[in-house]
Amino acid sequence: MVHVTTYDALGIKANIYIDTDNNPETGYQNWGQFANAGGDILVQDGNLYRHSGEGWAWTEICTGEAIYVISSEPDEDGIYTMEIKVVLSNAGELPETV
C-alpha cells in the first residue's frame, strides 16, 4: 500500500519499489528518504520490472499486470490511499513474507 498527499503525486510514471528478498542491501538503491530500500521489483505504469544490475537497470518481466485503485477522498489527515494488485508469481521465487 502507498500513501500519497495528492492525486498528482502519482502520475503515469509513478515508481513503486518492492523489496522481494527482504534485504535492503540488494536491488535498486534509491536516494533521500527511500535510500537503501533495496527495490528488487519495480511497478511502473501497470508493468513489472526486475532490477538487473547497478543503478537504474531494469528488465521487464510482464506488462499490464498491475491494477491501481486510489481512494476518492482523503482521510482525516489529508492522505489518499492507493492499493496495488500485482501478480507476484511473475516475480520468480519469493520469500514467505514480502
N, C-alpha and C. Protein backbone atom coordinates (compact mmCIF):
# COMPACT_ATOMS: atom_id res chain seq x y z
N MET A 1 0.84 -1.17 0.00
CA MET A 1 0.00 0.00 0.00
C MET A 1 0.89 1.24 0.00
N VAL A 2 0.45 2.26 -0.70
CA VAL A 2 1.20 3.51 -0.81
C VAL A 2 0.29 4.64 -0.35
N HIS A 3 0.81 5.56 0.45
CA HIS A 3 0.04 6.73 0.85
C HIS A 3 0.58 7.95 0.12
N VAL A 4 -0.33 8.74 -0.43
CA VAL A 4 0.07 9.95 -1.14
C VAL A 4 -0.74 11.13 -0.60
N THR A 5 -0.22 12.34 -0.79
CA THR A 5 -0.92 13.52 -0.28
C THR A 5 -1.81 14.17 -1.32
N THR A 6 -1.59 13.91 -2.60
CA THR A 6 -2.47 14.42 -3.66
C THR A 6 -2.53 13.40 -4.78
N TYR A 7 -3.57 13.51 -5.58
CA TYR A 7 -3.65 12.65 -6.76
C TYR A 7 -2.47 12.89 -7.69
N ASP A 8 -2.04 14.14 -7.78
CA ASP A 8 -0.95 14.48 -8.68
C ASP A 8 0.36 13.81 -8.32
N ALA A 9 0.47 13.33 -7.07
CA ALA A 9 1.71 12.69 -6.65
C ALA A 9 1.96 11.39 -7.41
N LEU A 10 0.91 10.80 -7.98
CA LEU A 10 1.07 9.57 -8.74
C LEU A 10 0.71 9.81 -10.19
N GLY A 11 1.70 10.21 -10.96
CA GLY A 11 1.48 10.41 -12.37
C GLY A 11 1.60 9.09 -13.11
N ILE A 12 1.60 9.16 -14.41
CA ILE A 12 1.64 7.94 -15.21
C ILE A 12 2.95 7.18 -15.04
N LYS A 13 3.99 7.84 -14.60
CA LYS A 13 5.29 7.19 -14.40
C LYS A 13 5.63 7.04 -12.93
N ALA A 14 4.63 6.85 -12.08
CA ALA A 14 4.90 6.62 -10.66
C ALA A 14 5.70 5.33 -10.51
N ASN A 15 6.73 5.37 -9.70
CA ASN A 15 7.57 4.20 -9.45
C ASN A 15 7.29 3.64 -8.07
N ILE A 16 6.94 2.38 -8.00
CA ILE A 16 6.69 1.71 -6.74
C ILE A 16 7.65 0.53 -6.66
N TYR A 17 8.47 0.52 -5.61
CA TYR A 17 9.52 -0.48 -5.46
C TYR A 17 9.09 -1.52 -4.43
N ILE A 18 9.36 -2.80 -4.73
CA ILE A 18 9.05 -3.89 -3.81
C ILE A 18 10.35 -4.62 -3.50
N ASP A 19 10.67 -4.71 -2.22
CA ASP A 19 11.87 -5.43 -1.76
C ASP A 19 11.47 -6.89 -1.56
N THR A 20 11.58 -7.71 -2.61
CA THR A 20 11.07 -9.08 -2.56
C THR A 20 11.96 -10.05 -1.80
N ASP A 21 13.23 -9.72 -1.60
CA ASP A 21 14.09 -10.65 -0.87
C ASP A 21 14.32 -10.21 0.58
N ASN A 22 13.62 -9.16 1.00
CA ASN A 22 13.73 -8.63 2.37
C ASN A 22 15.17 -8.29 2.75
N ASN A 23 15.96 -7.89 1.76
CA ASN A 23 17.34 -7.50 2.01
C ASN A 23 17.55 -6.11 1.41
N PRO A 24 17.61 -5.06 2.23
CA PRO A 24 17.73 -3.71 1.71
C PRO A 24 19.07 -3.43 1.02
N GLU A 25 20.03 -4.33 1.15
CA GLU A 25 21.33 -4.12 0.52
C GLU A 25 21.38 -4.62 -0.92
N THR A 26 20.35 -5.35 -1.36
CA THR A 26 20.29 -5.80 -2.75
C THR A 26 19.21 -5.01 -3.47
N GLY A 27 19.21 -5.06 -4.78
CA GLY A 27 18.20 -4.34 -5.56
C GLY A 27 18.56 -2.88 -5.75
N TYR A 28 17.60 -2.13 -6.28
CA TYR A 28 17.81 -0.72 -6.60
C TYR A 28 17.97 0.10 -5.32
N GLN A 29 19.00 0.91 -5.30
CA GLN A 29 19.28 1.78 -4.15
C GLN A 29 18.86 3.20 -4.51
N ASN A 30 17.73 3.61 -3.97
CA ASN A 30 17.19 4.93 -4.23
C ASN A 30 17.95 5.96 -3.40
N TRP A 31 17.44 7.16 -3.27
CA TRP A 31 18.10 8.22 -2.51
C TRP A 31 17.08 8.87 -1.57
N GLY A 32 17.56 9.80 -0.76
CA GLY A 32 16.68 10.54 0.15
C GLY A 32 16.03 9.63 1.17
N GLN A 33 14.75 9.88 1.44
CA GLN A 33 14.05 9.11 2.47
C GLN A 33 13.90 7.65 2.12
N PHE A 34 14.09 7.29 0.85
CA PHE A 34 13.97 5.89 0.43
C PHE A 34 15.33 5.25 0.16
N ALA A 35 16.40 5.89 0.62
CA ALA A 35 17.73 5.33 0.43
C ALA A 35 17.82 3.96 1.09
N ASN A 36 18.54 3.07 0.45
CA ASN A 36 18.76 1.72 0.97
C ASN A 36 17.47 0.92 1.14
N ALA A 37 16.49 1.17 0.29
CA ALA A 37 15.24 0.40 0.35
C ALA A 37 15.39 -0.95 -0.34
N GLY A 38 16.32 -1.07 -1.27
CA GLY A 38 16.58 -2.34 -1.93
C GLY A 38 15.44 -2.85 -2.79
N GLY A 39 14.98 -2.03 -3.73
CA GLY A 39 13.86 -2.42 -4.60
C GLY A 39 14.26 -3.48 -5.61
N ASP A 40 13.72 -4.68 -5.47
CA ASP A 40 14.01 -5.77 -6.42
C ASP A 40 13.03 -5.76 -7.58
N ILE A 41 11.80 -5.34 -7.32
CA ILE A 41 10.76 -5.27 -8.34
C ILE A 41 10.28 -3.83 -8.43
N LEU A 42 10.09 -3.34 -9.65
CA LEU A 42 9.55 -2.01 -9.91
C LEU A 42 8.18 -2.18 -10.56
N VAL A 43 7.18 -1.50 -10.00
CA VAL A 43 5.86 -1.43 -10.63
C VAL A 43 5.77 -0.03 -11.22
N GLN A 44 5.60 0.05 -12.55
CA GLN A 44 5.57 1.35 -13.22
C GLN A 44 4.54 1.29 -14.34
N ASP A 45 3.54 2.14 -14.25
CA ASP A 45 2.54 2.26 -15.31
C ASP A 45 1.89 0.91 -15.64
N GLY A 46 1.63 0.08 -14.62
CA GLY A 46 0.98 -1.21 -14.81
C GLY A 46 1.91 -2.34 -15.19
N ASN A 47 3.19 -2.05 -15.39
CA ASN A 47 4.16 -3.06 -15.78
C ASN A 47 5.07 -3.42 -14.62
N LEU A 48 5.62 -4.64 -14.65
CA LEU A 48 6.55 -5.09 -13.63
C LEU A 48 7.93 -5.27 -14.24
N TYR A 49 8.95 -4.84 -13.48
CA TYR A 49 10.34 -4.96 -13.90
C TYR A 49 11.16 -5.54 -12.76
N ARG A 50 12.20 -6.28 -13.08
CA ARG A 50 13.13 -6.82 -12.08
C ARG A 50 14.44 -6.03 -12.18
N HIS A 51 14.98 -5.64 -11.03
CA HIS A 51 16.26 -4.93 -11.03
C HIS A 51 17.33 -5.88 -11.55
N SER A 52 18.15 -5.39 -12.47
CA SER A 52 19.08 -6.29 -13.16
C SER A 52 20.52 -5.81 -13.16
N GLY A 53 20.90 -5.07 -12.14
CA GLY A 53 22.29 -4.64 -12.09
C GLY A 53 22.45 -3.39 -11.25
N GLU A 54 23.51 -2.69 -11.50
CA GLU A 54 23.81 -1.46 -10.76
C GLU A 54 22.97 -0.31 -11.29
N GLY A 55 22.64 0.62 -10.41
CA GLY A 55 21.93 1.82 -10.82
C GLY A 55 20.54 1.53 -11.37
N TRP A 56 20.14 2.32 -12.37
CA TRP A 56 18.80 2.22 -12.95
C TRP A 56 18.82 1.18 -14.07
N ALA A 57 18.92 -0.09 -13.71
CA ALA A 57 18.94 -1.19 -14.68
C ALA A 57 17.78 -2.13 -14.38
N TRP A 58 16.80 -2.18 -15.28
CA TRP A 58 15.58 -2.96 -15.06
C TRP A 58 15.28 -3.82 -16.27
N THR A 59 14.77 -5.03 -16.04
CA THR A 59 14.34 -5.93 -17.10
C THR A 59 12.84 -6.13 -16.95
N GLU A 60 12.10 -5.89 -18.03
CA GLU A 60 10.65 -6.06 -17.97
C GLU A 60 10.31 -7.53 -17.78
N ILE A 61 9.41 -7.83 -16.83
CA ILE A 61 9.01 -9.23 -16.61
C ILE A 61 7.55 -9.48 -16.99
N CYS A 62 6.73 -8.46 -17.03
CA CYS A 62 5.37 -8.60 -17.56
C CYS A 62 4.76 -7.22 -17.74
N THR A 63 3.77 -7.14 -18.62
CA THR A 63 3.14 -5.85 -18.90
C THR A 63 1.66 -5.88 -18.55
N GLY A 64 1.17 -4.75 -18.08
CA GLY A 64 -0.24 -4.57 -17.81
C GLY A 64 -0.81 -5.42 -16.69
N GLU A 65 0.04 -5.95 -15.82
CA GLU A 65 -0.43 -6.84 -14.76
C GLU A 65 -0.82 -6.11 -13.48
N ALA A 66 -0.33 -4.91 -13.26
CA ALA A 66 -0.61 -4.20 -12.01
C ALA A 66 -1.92 -3.42 -12.14
N ILE A 67 -2.75 -3.51 -11.11
CA ILE A 67 -4.02 -2.79 -11.08
C ILE A 67 -3.95 -1.80 -9.92
N TYR A 68 -4.22 -0.52 -10.21
CA TYR A 68 -4.16 0.53 -9.20
C TYR A 68 -5.58 0.96 -8.81
N VAL A 69 -5.81 1.17 -7.54
CA VAL A 69 -7.07 1.74 -7.06
C VAL A 69 -6.70 2.84 -6.06
N ILE A 70 -7.18 4.06 -6.31
CA ILE A 70 -6.88 5.19 -5.43
C ILE A 70 -8.18 5.65 -4.78
N SER A 71 -8.12 5.91 -3.47
CA SER A 71 -9.31 6.37 -2.76
C SER A 71 -9.79 7.69 -3.36
N SER A 72 -11.11 7.87 -3.38
CA SER A 72 -11.66 9.08 -3.99
C SER A 72 -11.60 10.29 -3.07
N GLU A 73 -11.50 10.05 -1.78
CA GLU A 73 -11.42 11.12 -0.79
C GLU A 73 -10.25 10.87 0.16
N PRO A 74 -9.60 11.94 0.61
CA PRO A 74 -8.51 11.76 1.58
C PRO A 74 -9.06 11.39 2.95
N ASP A 75 -8.20 10.82 3.79
CA ASP A 75 -8.59 10.54 5.17
C ASP A 75 -8.52 11.84 5.99
N GLU A 76 -8.70 11.74 7.30
CA GLU A 76 -8.74 12.94 8.15
C GLU A 76 -7.42 13.71 8.17
N ASP A 77 -6.32 13.06 7.75
CA ASP A 77 -5.02 13.73 7.69
C ASP A 77 -4.71 14.26 6.29
N GLY A 78 -5.67 14.14 5.36
CA GLY A 78 -5.45 14.62 4.00
C GLY A 78 -4.68 13.64 3.14
N ILE A 79 -4.62 12.38 3.55
CA ILE A 79 -3.85 11.37 2.83
C ILE A 79 -4.78 10.50 1.99
N TYR A 80 -4.45 10.36 0.71
CA TYR A 80 -5.16 9.43 -0.16
C TYR A 80 -4.49 8.07 -0.04
N THR A 81 -5.25 7.01 -0.19
CA THR A 81 -4.69 5.67 -0.12
C THR A 81 -4.75 5.03 -1.50
N MET A 82 -3.65 4.40 -1.88
CA MET A 82 -3.61 3.68 -3.14
C MET A 82 -3.32 2.22 -2.85
N GLU A 83 -4.09 1.33 -3.44
CA GLU A 83 -3.82 -0.10 -3.34
C GLU A 83 -3.42 -0.59 -4.72
N ILE A 84 -2.49 -1.54 -4.74
CA ILE A 84 -2.00 -2.10 -5.99
C ILE A 84 -2.13 -3.61 -5.93
N LYS A 85 -2.70 -4.18 -6.97
CA LYS A 85 -2.77 -5.63 -7.08
C LYS A 85 -1.73 -6.05 -8.11
N VAL A 86 -0.81 -6.91 -7.68
CA VAL A 86 0.28 -7.36 -8.54
C VAL A 86 0.34 -8.88 -8.47
N VAL A 87 0.48 -9.54 -9.62
CA VAL A 87 0.65 -10.99 -9.65
C VAL A 87 2.13 -11.27 -9.40
N LEU A 88 2.47 -11.56 -8.14
CA LEU A 88 3.88 -11.73 -7.78
C LEU A 88 4.48 -13.04 -8.28
N SER A 89 3.65 -13.95 -8.78
CA SER A 89 4.23 -15.18 -9.34
C SER A 89 5.11 -14.85 -10.54
N ASN A 90 4.87 -13.71 -11.18
CA ASN A 90 5.72 -13.27 -12.28
C ASN A 90 7.09 -12.81 -11.81
N ALA A 91 7.22 -12.56 -10.52
CA ALA A 91 8.47 -12.04 -9.97
C ALA A 91 9.47 -13.15 -9.64
N GLY A 92 9.10 -14.40 -9.86
CA GLY A 92 10.01 -15.50 -9.55
C GLY A 92 9.86 -15.96 -8.12
N GLU A 93 10.84 -16.69 -7.63
CA GLU A 93 10.79 -17.23 -6.28
C GLU A 93 10.86 -16.11 -5.25
N LEU A 94 9.95 -16.15 -4.28
CA LEU A 94 9.87 -15.11 -3.26
C LEU A 94 9.91 -15.74 -1.88
N PRO A 95 10.38 -14.99 -0.88
CA PRO A 95 10.32 -15.49 0.50
C PRO A 95 8.87 -15.54 0.97
N GLU A 96 8.64 -16.16 2.10
CA GLU A 96 7.28 -16.28 2.63
C GLU A 96 6.66 -14.92 2.92
N THR A 97 7.47 -13.97 3.38
CA THR A 97 6.99 -12.62 3.70
C THR A 97 7.68 -11.61 2.80
N VAL A 98 6.89 -10.79 2.12
CA VAL A 98 7.44 -9.74 1.26
C VAL A 98 7.08 -8.41 1.85
